[in-house]
Amino acid sequence: PIKGGLWLTDIAHHHLAIAILFLIA
């Protein structure tokens, strides 16, 4: 469960990073 939550958080952060890069670009 912990690993699953960590994976979900990692995906969310990755998505957020892409969104920010898209905004800057």
PDB file of N, CA and C in Angstrom:
ATOM      1  N   PRO A   1       0.830  -1.220   0.000  1.00  0.00           N
ATOM      2  CA  PRO A   1       0.000   0.000   0.000  1.00  0.00           C
ATOM      3  C   PRO A   1       0.859   1.263   0.000  1.00  0.00           C
ATOM      4  N   ILE A   2       1.920   1.237   0.795  1.00  0.00           N
ATOM      5  CA  ILE A   2       2.805   2.403   0.880  1.00  0.00           C
ATOM      6  C   ILE A   2       3.477   2.644  -0.467  1.00  0.00           C
ATOM      7  N   LYS A   3       3.952   1.558  -1.077  1.00  0.00           N
ATOM      8  CA  LYS A   3       4.622   1.675  -2.368  1.00  0.00           C
ATOM      9  C   LYS A   3       3.638   2.192  -3.423  1.00  0.00           C
ATOM     10  N   GLY A   4       2.384   1.700  -3.342  1.00  0.00           N
ATOM     11  CA  GLY A   4       1.361   2.134  -4.284  1.00  0.00           C
ATOM     12  C   GLY A   4       1.090   3.625  -4.135  1.00  0.00           C
ATOM     13  N   GLY A   5       1.001   4.086  -2.876  1.00  0.00           N
ATOM     14  CA  GLY A   5       0.751   5.501  -2.617  1.00  0.00           C
ATOM     15  C   GLY A   5       1.915   6.343  -3.110  1.00  0.00           C
ATOM     16  N   LEU A   6       3.127   5.836  -2.891  1.00  0.00           N
ATOM     17  CA  LEU A   6       4.321   6.563  -3.310  1.00  0.00           C
ATOM     18  C   LEU A   6       4.354   6.675  -4.831  1.00  0.00           C
ATOM     19  N   TRP A   7       3.963   5.586  -5.497  1.00  0.00           N
ATOM     20  CA  TRP A   7       3.928   5.562  -6.961  1.00  0.00           C
ATOM     21  C   TRP A   7       2.921   6.581  -7.463  1.00  0.00           C
ATOM     22  N   LEU A   8       1.749   6.616  -6.806  1.00  0.00           N
ATOM     23  CA  LEU A   8       0.691   7.547  -7.209  1.00  0.00           C
ATOM     24  C   LEU A   8       1.167   8.984  -7.029  1.00  0.00           C
ATOM     25  N   THR A   9       1.853   9.252  -5.922  1.00  0.00           N
ATOM     26  CA  THR A   9       2.369  10.594  -5.661  1.00  0.00           C
ATOM     27  C   THR A   9       3.431  10.959  -6.685  1.00  0.00           C
ATOM     28  N   ASP A  10       4.288   9.984  -7.040  1.00  0.00           N
ATOM     29  CA  ASP A  10       5.347  10.229  -8.019  1.00  0.00           C
ATOM     30  C   ASP A  10       4.736  10.576  -9.375  1.00  0.00           C
ATOM     31  N   ILE A  11       3.667   9.861  -9.752  1.00  0.00           N
ATOM     32  CA  ILE A  11       2.987  10.126 -11.026  1.00  0.00           C
ATOM     33  C   ILE A  11       2.382  11.528 -10.994  1.00  0.00           C
ATOM     34  N   ALA A  12       1.778  11.895  -9.867  1.00  0.00           N
ATOM     35  CA  ALA A  12       1.152  13.210  -9.732  1.00  0.00           C
ATOM     36  C   ALA A  12       2.193  14.314  -9.866  1.00  0.00           C
ATOM     37  N   HIS A  13       3.348  14.133  -9.217  1.00  0.00           N
ATOM     38  CA  HIS A  13       4.410  15.131  -9.293  1.00  0.00           C
ATOM     39  C   HIS A  13       4.953  15.229 -10.711  1.00  0.00           C
ATOM     40  N   HIS A  14       5.073  14.092 -11.392  1.00  0.00           N
ATOM     41  CA  HIS A  14       5.573  14.072 -12.761  1.00  0.00           C
ATOM     42  C   HIS A  14       4.595  14.820 -13.667  1.00  0.00           C
ATOM     43  N   HIS A  15       3.306  14.592 -13.457  1.00  0.00           N
ATOM     44  CA  HIS A  15       2.269  15.257 -14.243  1.00  0.00           C
ATOM     45  C   HIS A  15       2.327  16.763 -14.005  1.00  0.00           C
ATOM     46  N   LEU A  16       2.527  17.134 -12.733  1.00  0.00           N
ATOM     47  CA  LEU A  16       2.597  18.550 -12.374  1.00  0.00           C
ATOM     48  C   LEU A  16       3.804  19.202 -13.033  1.00  0.00           C
ATOM     49  N   ALA A  17       4.944  18.505 -13.039  1.00  0.00           N
ATOM     50  CA  ALA A  17       6.165  19.031 -13.650  1.00  0.00           C
ATOM     51  C   ALA A  17       5.950  19.257 -15.144  1.00  0.00           C
ATOM     52  N   ILE A  18       5.290  18.310 -15.806  1.00  0.00           N
ATOM     53  CA  ILE A  18       5.024  18.439 -17.243  1.00  0.00           C
ATOM     54  C   ILE A  18       4.103  19.630 -17.491  1.00  0.00           C
ATOM     55  N   ALA A  19       3.103  19.800 -16.638  1.00  0.00           N
ATOM     56  CA  ALA A  19       2.160  20.910 -16.779  1.00  0.00           C
ATOM     57  C   ALA A  19       2.888  22.244 -16.648  1.00  0.00           C
ATOM     58  N   ILE A  20       3.803  22.337 -15.681  1.00  0.00           N
ATOM     59  CA  ILE A  20       4.572  23.568 -15.469  1.00  0.00           C
ATOM     60  C   ILE A  20       5.469  23.838 -16.673  1.00  0.00           C
ATOM     61  N   LEU A  21       6.122  22.783 -17.182  1.00  0.00           N
ATOM     62  CA  LEU A  21       6.984  22.933 -18.357  1.00  0.00           C
ATOM     63  C   LEU A  21       6.163  23.406 -19.548  1.00  0.00           C
ATOM     64  N   PHE A  22       4.945  22.884 -19.671  1.00  0.00           N
ATOM     65  CA  PHE A  22       4.060  23.269 -20.772  1.00  0.00           C
ATOM     66  C   PHE A  22       3.700  24.749 -20.649  1.00  0.00           C
ATOM     67  N   LEU A  23       3.457  25.197 -19.410  1.00  0.00           N
ATOM     68  CA  LEU A  23       3.098  26.597 -19.176  1.00  0.00           C
ATOM     69  C   LEU A  23       4.265  27.520 -19.520  1.00  0.00           C
ATOM     70  N   ILE A  24       5.467  27.110 -19.132  1.00  0.00           N
ATOM     71  CA  ILE A  24       6.662  27.924 -19.389  1.00  0.00           C
ATOM     72  C   ILE A  24       6.988  27.953 -20.875  1.00  0.00           C
ATOM     73  N   ALA A  25       6.832  26.803 -21.546  1.00  0.00           N
ATOM     74  CA  ALA A  25       7.192  26.686 -22.957  1.00  0.00           C
ATOM     75  C   ALA A  25       6.244  27.464 -23.872  1.00  0.00           C
TER      76      ALA A  25
END
